[in-house]
Amino acid sequence: MKFEGEYLYGKKIKGKFYIKGRLEFDGKFLYDRKWNGKGYDEHGNIIYELNNGDGKVKEYKFGNFEFEGEYLKGKKHGYVKEYDFINNFLEFEGKYKNGKR
């Protein structure tokens, strides 16, 4: 993982986040959490947008699908699906509230 951008008091505030050399997120951070910006898949396509930490998101880890759900104020919130990104099977389906299952 690599981050190119600005820090304030040791926390990311604005920049680009890369995984294995590919752009994964470009935007602003709040308390090191993705806040305003766009997320990209391995082909450079936009797969989600966050506005003040809110939005429907599909996340990938090492190029494999890992999470589908919603964020509220930078935390997982609402109905979600989480996948084992190595074996690609549904690991959890349910609700989060303020980042907790």
Protein backbone atom coordinates (compact mmCIF):
# COMPACT_ATOMS: atom_id res chain seq x y z
CA MET A 1 0.00 0.00 0.00
CA LYS A 2 1.14 3.50 -0.79
CA PHE A 3 -0.23 6.96 -0.08
CA GLU A 4 0.75 10.12 -1.94
CA GLY A 5 -0.64 13.28 -0.49
CA GLU A 6 -0.95 15.51 2.50
CA TYR A 7 -0.83 14.66 6.20
CA LEU A 8 -1.85 16.71 9.20
CA TYR A 9 -0.68 15.58 12.65
CA GLY A 10 0.25 12.18 11.20
CA LYS A 11 -3.17 11.55 9.59
CA LYS A 12 -3.99 11.47 5.88
CA ILE A 13 -6.08 14.46 4.81
CA LYS A 14 -5.89 14.56 0.99
CA GLY A 15 -4.32 12.44 -1.70
CA LYS A 16 -4.18 9.20 -3.60
CA PHE A 17 -4.14 5.74 -2.05
CA TYR A 18 -2.59 2.89 -4.08
CA ILE A 19 -2.68 -0.88 -3.62
CA LYS A 20 -0.11 -2.93 -5.54
CA GLY A 21 0.62 0.06 -7.76
CA ARG A 22 -2.96 0.76 -8.81
CA LEU A 23 -5.02 3.75 -7.75
CA GLU A 24 -7.64 2.62 -5.24
CA PHE A 25 -8.93 5.96 -3.89
CA ASP A 26 -8.43 9.64 -4.74
CA GLY A 27 -9.84 12.27 -2.46
CA LYS A 28 -10.02 13.64 1.06
CA PHE A 29 -9.69 11.84 4.35
CA LEU A 30 -11.04 12.66 7.79
CA TYR A 31 -9.23 11.08 10.76
CA ASP A 32 -7.50 8.70 8.29
CA ARG A 33 -10.89 7.52 6.90
CA LYS A 34 -11.92 7.94 3.28
CA TRP A 35 -14.29 10.90 3.28
CA ASN A 36 -14.81 12.73 -0.03
CA GLY A 37 -13.62 11.18 -3.24
CA LYS A 38 -13.76 8.32 -5.70
CA GLY A 39 -12.75 4.69 -5.49
CA TYR A 40 -11.47 2.73 -8.49
CA ASP A 41 -11.35 -0.90 -9.59
CA GLU A 42 -8.31 -2.64 -11.06
CA HIS A 43 -9.20 -1.28 -14.54
CA GLY A 44 -9.41 2.35 -13.43
CA ASN A 45 -13.21 2.46 -13.44
CA ILE A 46 -14.96 4.42 -10.71
CA ILE A 47 -16.73 1.94 -8.44
CA TYR A 48 -17.87 4.26 -5.68
CA GLU A 49 -18.04 7.86 -4.59
CA LEU A 50 -18.14 9.18 -1.07
CA ASN A 51 -19.62 12.52 -0.12
CA ASN A 52 -18.90 13.53 3.49
CA GLY A 53 -18.24 9.88 4.29
CA ASP A 54 -21.60 8.72 2.92
CA GLY A 55 -22.26 6.47 -0.04
CA LYS A 56 -22.87 3.01 -1.45
CA VAL A 57 -19.56 1.22 -1.79
CA LYS A 58 -18.02 -1.84 -3.37
CA GLU A 59 -14.55 -2.52 -2.03
CA TYR A 60 -11.82 -4.77 -3.33
CA LYS A 61 -8.77 -6.15 -1.60
CA PHE A 62 -5.82 -7.29 -3.70
CA GLY A 63 -8.08 -7.15 -6.76
CA ASN A 64 -10.76 -9.41 -5.27
CA PHE A 65 -14.24 -8.37 -4.18
CA GLU A 66 -14.46 -7.90 -0.40
CA PHE A 67 -17.34 -5.62 0.63
CA GLU A 68 -20.62 -4.23 -0.65
CA GLY A 69 -22.71 -1.87 1.42
CA GLU A 70 -23.09 1.65 2.69
CA TYR A 71 -20.99 4.09 4.62
CA LEU A 72 -22.33 6.82 6.87
CA LYS A 73 -19.94 9.49 8.12
CA GLY A 74 -16.95 7.35 7.11
CA LYS A 75 -18.08 4.13 8.84
CA LYS A 76 -19.85 1.03 7.58
CA HIS A 77 -23.54 1.50 8.35
CA GLY A 78 -26.68 -0.29 7.21
CA TYR A 79 -27.12 -3.54 5.31
CA VAL A 80 -23.83 -5.00 4.04
CA LYS A 81 -22.29 -8.09 2.48
CA GLU A 82 -18.69 -9.07 3.25
CA TYR A 83 -16.77 -11.66 1.31
CA ASP A 84 -13.70 -13.75 1.98
CA PHE A 85 -11.52 -12.05 -0.64
CA ILE A 86 -9.19 -15.04 -1.00
CA ASN A 87 -11.78 -17.79 -1.52
CA ASN A 88 -14.50 -15.46 -2.83
CA PHE A 89 -17.41 -16.67 -0.69
CA LEU A 90 -19.99 -14.72 1.29
CA GLU A 91 -18.66 -14.46 4.84
CA PHE A 92 -21.17 -12.08 6.45
CA GLU A 93 -24.52 -10.65 5.44
CA GLY A 94 -26.25 -8.33 7.87
CA LYS A 95 -26.22 -4.88 9.38
CA TYR A 96 -23.61 -2.47 10.68
CA LYS A 97 -24.28 0.47 12.93
CA ASN A 98 -21.59 3.14 13.25
CA GLY A 99 -18.90 0.76 12.00
CA LYS A 100 -19.86 -2.22 14.21
CA ARG A 101 -21.72 -5.39 13.33
